[in-house]
């Protein structure tokens, strides 16, 4: 799959997850919106270097949200991927242990 296609797929999944989190009862959609992490999609999906915007978003995103994403079947393969781990390390953001 081409990098552009993968990035589009990730963006779609992020948007779909955000919509689902808005519809889920008791969800804290205001703080756990995966769409806030779209600047990181090229680094996670395409193996590009993370941008300053990506790192800033990762640092500002609540750690508890990453635990939610790890449990979400639509998101877990991105959060748990080797590229995601590289992005977290490059941005000096610890990936929470859930």
N, C-alpha and C. Protein backbone atom coordinates (compact mmCIF):
# COMPACT_ATOMS: atom_id res chain seq x y z
N UNK A 1 0.85 -1.17 0.00
CA UNK A 1 0.00 0.00 0.00
C UNK A 1 0.90 1.24 0.00
N UNK A 2 0.61 2.21 -0.84
CA UNK A 2 1.41 3.42 -0.94
C UNK A 2 1.29 4.24 0.34
N UNK A 3 2.33 5.03 0.60
CA UNK A 3 2.36 5.84 1.83
C UNK A 3 1.16 6.79 1.88
N UNK A 4 0.80 7.38 0.76
CA UNK A 4 -0.34 8.30 0.74
C UNK A 4 -1.63 7.57 1.07
N UNK A 5 -1.78 6.36 0.57
CA UNK A 5 -2.98 5.57 0.86
C UNK A 5 -3.03 5.20 2.34
N UNK A 6 -1.87 4.84 2.90
CA UNK A 6 -1.83 4.50 4.32
C UNK A 6 -2.13 5.71 5.18
N UNK A 7 -1.59 6.86 4.79
CA UNK A 7 -1.86 8.08 5.55
C UNK A 7 -3.34 8.42 5.49
N UNK A 8 -3.96 8.24 4.34
CA UNK A 8 -5.40 8.49 4.20
C UNK A 8 -6.20 7.53 5.07
N UNK A 9 -5.76 6.28 5.11
CA UNK A 9 -6.44 5.29 5.94
C UNK A 9 -6.34 5.65 7.41
N UNK A 10 -5.15 6.06 7.84
CA UNK A 10 -4.97 6.46 9.24
C UNK A 10 -5.83 7.66 9.57
N UNK A 11 -5.85 8.63 8.68
CA UNK A 11 -6.67 9.81 8.91
C UNK A 11 -8.13 9.43 9.01
N UNK A 12 -8.60 8.54 8.13
CA UNK A 12 -9.98 8.07 8.20
C UNK A 12 -10.25 7.39 9.53
N UNK A 13 -9.34 6.51 9.95
CA UNK A 13 -9.53 5.81 11.22
C UNK A 13 -9.52 6.76 12.40
N UNK A 14 -8.66 7.76 12.35
CA UNK A 14 -8.63 8.74 13.43
C UNK A 14 -9.95 9.50 13.51
N UNK A 15 -10.46 9.92 12.36
CA UNK A 15 -11.73 10.65 12.33
C UNK A 15 -12.87 9.74 12.79
N UNK A 16 -12.88 8.50 12.29
CA UNK A 16 -13.94 7.56 12.69
C UNK A 16 -13.89 7.29 14.19
N UNK A 17 -12.70 7.14 14.73
CA UNK A 17 -12.57 6.91 16.17
C UNK A 17 -13.03 8.12 16.97
N UNK A 18 -12.71 9.29 16.46
CA UNK A 18 -13.16 10.50 17.16
C UNK A 18 -14.67 10.59 17.17
N UNK A 19 -15.30 10.27 16.05
CA UNK A 19 -16.76 10.30 15.98
C UNK A 19 -17.35 9.26 16.93
N UNK A 20 -16.77 8.06 16.92
CA UNK A 20 -17.26 7.01 17.82
C UNK A 20 -17.09 7.41 19.28
N UNK A 21 -15.99 8.06 19.60
CA UNK A 21 -15.78 8.47 20.98
C UNK A 21 -16.77 9.55 21.40
N UNK A 22 -17.21 10.35 20.45
CA UNK A 22 -18.22 11.35 20.77
C UNK A 22 -19.57 10.71 21.05
N UNK A 23 -19.83 9.59 20.39
CA UNK A 23 -21.10 8.91 20.55
C UNK A 23 -21.13 7.95 21.74
N UNK A 24 -19.95 7.56 22.22
CA UNK A 24 -19.88 6.60 23.32
C UNK A 24 -20.26 7.27 24.63
N UNK A 25 -21.15 6.64 25.40
CA UNK A 25 -21.53 7.23 26.68
C UNK A 25 -20.35 7.26 27.63
N UNK A 26 -20.21 8.38 28.31
CA UNK A 26 -19.16 8.53 29.30
C UNK A 26 -17.79 8.78 28.72
N UNK A 27 -17.67 8.93 27.42
CA UNK A 27 -16.36 9.16 26.81
C UNK A 27 -15.94 10.60 27.04
N UNK A 28 -14.65 10.77 27.22
CA UNK A 28 -14.14 12.12 27.40
C UNK A 28 -13.59 12.59 26.06
N UNK A 29 -14.46 12.82 25.11
CA UNK A 29 -14.08 13.16 23.74
C UNK A 29 -13.29 14.46 23.67
N UNK A 30 -13.56 15.39 24.59
CA UNK A 30 -12.88 16.67 24.54
C UNK A 30 -11.38 16.50 24.78
N UNK A 31 -10.98 15.54 25.60
CA UNK A 31 -9.56 15.36 25.88
C UNK A 31 -8.93 14.21 25.12
N UNK A 32 -9.72 13.24 24.70
CA UNK A 32 -9.18 12.07 23.99
C UNK A 32 -9.67 12.02 22.55
N UNK A 33 -9.36 13.02 21.80
CA UNK A 33 -9.73 13.06 20.39
C UNK A 33 -8.51 12.65 19.57
N UNK A 34 -8.53 11.45 18.98
CA UNK A 34 -7.37 11.02 18.21
C UNK A 34 -7.05 11.92 17.02
N UNK A 35 -8.01 12.70 16.57
CA UNK A 35 -7.75 13.62 15.45
C UNK A 35 -6.72 14.67 15.83
N UNK A 36 -6.51 14.88 17.12
CA UNK A 36 -5.49 15.83 17.56
C UNK A 36 -4.09 15.36 17.16
N UNK A 37 -3.97 14.07 16.86
CA UNK A 37 -2.66 13.50 16.55
C UNK A 37 -2.41 13.35 15.05
N UNK A 38 -3.24 13.95 14.21
CA UNK A 38 -3.05 13.80 12.76
C UNK A 38 -1.69 14.29 12.27
N UNK A 39 -1.04 15.27 12.93
CA UNK A 39 0.31 15.63 12.46
C UNK A 39 1.32 14.48 12.58
N UNK A 40 0.97 13.45 13.34
CA UNK A 40 1.87 12.31 13.53
C UNK A 40 1.63 11.19 12.52
N UNK A 41 0.56 11.26 11.75
CA UNK A 41 0.22 10.18 10.81
C UNK A 41 1.35 9.86 9.84
N UNK A 42 1.99 10.86 9.21
CA UNK A 42 3.08 10.52 8.27
C UNK A 42 4.24 9.80 8.94
N UNK A 43 4.51 10.13 10.20
CA UNK A 43 5.62 9.48 10.90
C UNK A 43 5.26 8.06 11.33
N UNK A 44 4.02 7.86 11.76
CA UNK A 44 3.61 6.54 12.24
C UNK A 44 3.34 5.60 11.08
N UNK A 45 2.70 6.10 10.04
CA UNK A 45 2.33 5.24 8.91
C UNK A 45 3.42 5.18 7.86
N UNK A 46 4.03 6.31 7.56
CA UNK A 46 4.99 6.36 6.47
C UNK A 46 6.44 6.31 6.88
N UNK A 47 6.71 6.20 8.17
CA UNK A 47 8.07 6.11 8.67
C UNK A 47 8.87 7.39 8.44
N UNK A 48 8.18 8.53 8.34
CA UNK A 48 8.86 9.82 8.22
C UNK A 48 9.31 10.27 9.61
N UNK A 49 10.20 11.20 9.66
CA UNK A 49 10.61 11.76 10.95
C UNK A 49 9.45 12.57 11.52
N UNK A 50 9.22 12.49 12.83
CA UNK A 50 8.13 13.27 13.41
C UNK A 50 8.44 14.77 13.35
N UNK A 51 7.43 15.54 13.07
CA UNK A 51 7.58 16.99 13.01
C UNK A 51 7.48 17.59 14.41
N UNK A 52 7.84 18.85 14.52
CA UNK A 52 7.70 19.56 15.80
C UNK A 52 6.23 19.59 16.21
N UNK A 53 5.33 19.74 15.25
CA UNK A 53 3.90 19.76 15.55
C UNK A 53 3.45 18.42 16.11
N UNK A 54 3.96 17.34 15.53
CA UNK A 54 3.63 16.01 16.01
C UNK A 54 4.08 15.85 17.46
N UNK A 55 5.33 16.18 17.73
CA UNK A 55 5.85 16.03 19.10
C UNK A 55 5.08 16.90 20.09
N UNK A 56 4.73 18.10 19.69
CA UNK A 56 3.97 18.98 20.58
C UNK A 56 2.61 18.37 20.90
N UNK A 57 1.96 17.80 19.90
CA UNK A 57 0.65 17.16 20.13
C UNK A 57 0.78 15.95 21.03
N UNK A 58 1.82 15.14 20.81
CA UNK A 58 2.02 13.96 21.66
C UNK A 58 2.23 14.36 23.11
N UNK A 59 3.03 15.40 23.31
CA UNK A 59 3.32 15.85 24.68
C UNK A 59 2.09 16.43 25.36
N UNK A 60 1.21 17.05 24.60
CA UNK A 60 0.01 17.67 25.16
C UNK A 60 -1.13 16.67 25.35
N UNK A 61 -1.06 15.53 24.70
CA UNK A 61 -2.14 14.55 24.73
C UNK A 61 -2.08 13.77 26.05
N UNK A 62 -3.20 13.62 26.74
CA UNK A 62 -3.21 12.89 28.02
C UNK A 62 -2.77 11.43 27.84
N UNK A 63 -1.92 10.96 28.73
CA UNK A 63 -1.42 9.58 28.68
C UNK A 63 -2.56 8.58 28.76
N UNK A 64 -3.60 8.90 29.51
CA UNK A 64 -4.74 7.97 29.64
C UNK A 64 -5.42 7.73 28.30
N UNK A 65 -5.33 8.69 27.39
CA UNK A 65 -5.92 8.53 26.07
C UNK A 65 -5.19 7.44 25.29
N UNK A 66 -3.88 7.38 25.42
CA UNK A 66 -3.12 6.36 24.70
C UNK A 66 -3.52 4.97 25.20
N UNK A 67 -3.84 4.86 26.48
CA UNK A 67 -4.31 3.58 27.00
C UNK A 67 -5.65 3.22 26.36
N UNK A 68 -6.51 4.21 26.18
CA UNK A 68 -7.80 3.96 25.50
C UNK A 68 -7.56 3.53 24.06
N UNK A 69 -6.63 4.18 23.39
CA UNK A 69 -6.35 3.84 21.99
C UNK A 69 -5.77 2.44 21.88
N UNK A 70 -4.96 2.04 22.87
CA UNK A 70 -4.38 0.69 22.85
C UNK A 70 -5.46 -0.38 22.95
N UNK A 71 -6.58 -0.04 23.57
CA UNK A 71 -7.67 -1.00 23.74
C UNK A 71 -8.66 -0.96 22.58
N UNK A 72 -8.60 0.08 21.76
CA UNK A 72 -9.52 0.27 20.64
C UNK A 72 -9.02 -0.54 19.45
N UNK A 73 -9.83 -1.51 18.96
CA UNK A 73 -9.38 -2.34 17.84
C UNK A 73 -8.99 -1.54 16.59
N UNK A 74 -9.59 -0.39 16.39
CA UNK A 74 -9.27 0.43 15.22
C UNK A 74 -7.97 1.21 15.39
N UNK A 75 -7.55 1.43 16.62
CA UNK A 75 -6.38 2.27 16.88
C UNK A 75 -5.16 1.50 17.34
N UNK A 76 -5.35 0.35 17.97
CA UNK A 76 -4.25 -0.32 18.65
C UNK A 76 -3.08 -0.68 17.73
N UNK A 77 -3.36 -1.03 16.49
CA UNK A 77 -2.24 -1.40 15.61
C UNK A 77 -1.35 -0.20 15.29
N UNK A 78 -1.89 1.00 15.39
CA UNK A 78 -1.07 2.19 15.16
C UNK A 78 -0.30 2.57 16.42
N UNK A 79 -0.96 2.52 17.56
CA UNK A 79 -0.32 2.90 18.82
C UNK A 79 0.77 1.89 19.19
N UNK A 80 0.53 0.63 18.90
CA UNK A 80 1.48 -0.42 19.26
C UNK A 80 2.51 -0.71 18.18
N UNK A 81 2.46 0.00 17.06
CA UNK A 81 3.36 -0.29 15.94
C UNK A 81 4.80 0.12 16.27
N UNK A 82 5.76 -0.52 15.60
CA UNK A 82 7.17 -0.12 15.79
C UNK A 82 7.41 1.35 15.42
N UNK A 83 6.74 1.84 14.39
CA UNK A 83 6.91 3.25 14.01
C UNK A 83 6.39 4.17 15.10
N UNK A 84 5.26 3.83 15.71
CA UNK A 84 4.73 4.67 16.80
C UNK A 84 5.71 4.72 17.95
N UNK A 85 6.30 3.58 18.26
CA UNK A 85 7.29 3.55 19.35
C UNK A 85 8.49 4.43 19.01
N UNK A 86 8.90 4.43 17.74
CA UNK A 86 10.01 5.31 17.31
C UNK A 86 9.62 6.78 17.44
N UNK A 87 8.37 7.10 17.09
CA UNK A 87 7.90 8.48 17.17
C UNK A 87 7.88 8.94 18.63
N UNK A 88 7.33 8.11 19.50
CA UNK A 88 7.30 8.45 20.93
C UNK A 88 8.72 8.67 21.45
N UNK A 89 9.64 7.79 21.07
CA UNK A 89 11.03 7.92 21.53
C UNK A 89 11.67 9.19 20.96
N UNK A 90 11.47 9.46 19.68
CA UNK A 90 12.06 10.65 19.05
C UNK A 90 11.52 11.94 19.69
N UNK A 91 10.26 11.89 20.08
CA UNK A 91 9.64 13.07 20.71
C UNK A 91 9.88 13.13 22.21
N UNK A 92 10.55 12.11 22.74
CA UNK A 92 10.81 12.01 24.18
C UNK A 92 9.53 12.02 25.00
N UNK A 93 8.56 11.26 24.51
CA UNK A 93 7.28 11.09 25.20
C UNK A 93 7.19 9.62 25.61
N UNK A 94 7.06 9.35 26.91
CA UNK A 94 6.96 7.95 27.31
C UNK A 94 5.60 7.36 26.92
N UNK A 95 5.64 6.19 26.31
CA UNK A 95 4.42 5.48 25.99
C UNK A 95 3.93 4.84 27.29
N UNK A 96 2.72 5.19 27.73
CA UNK A 96 2.28 4.68 29.04
C UNK A 96 2.10 3.17 29.04
N UNK A 97 2.37 2.59 30.19
CA UNK A 97 2.12 1.16 30.39
C UNK A 97 0.72 1.05 30.96
N UNK A 98 -0.13 0.37 30.24
CA UNK A 98 -1.54 0.30 30.64
C UNK A 98 -1.85 -1.06 31.22
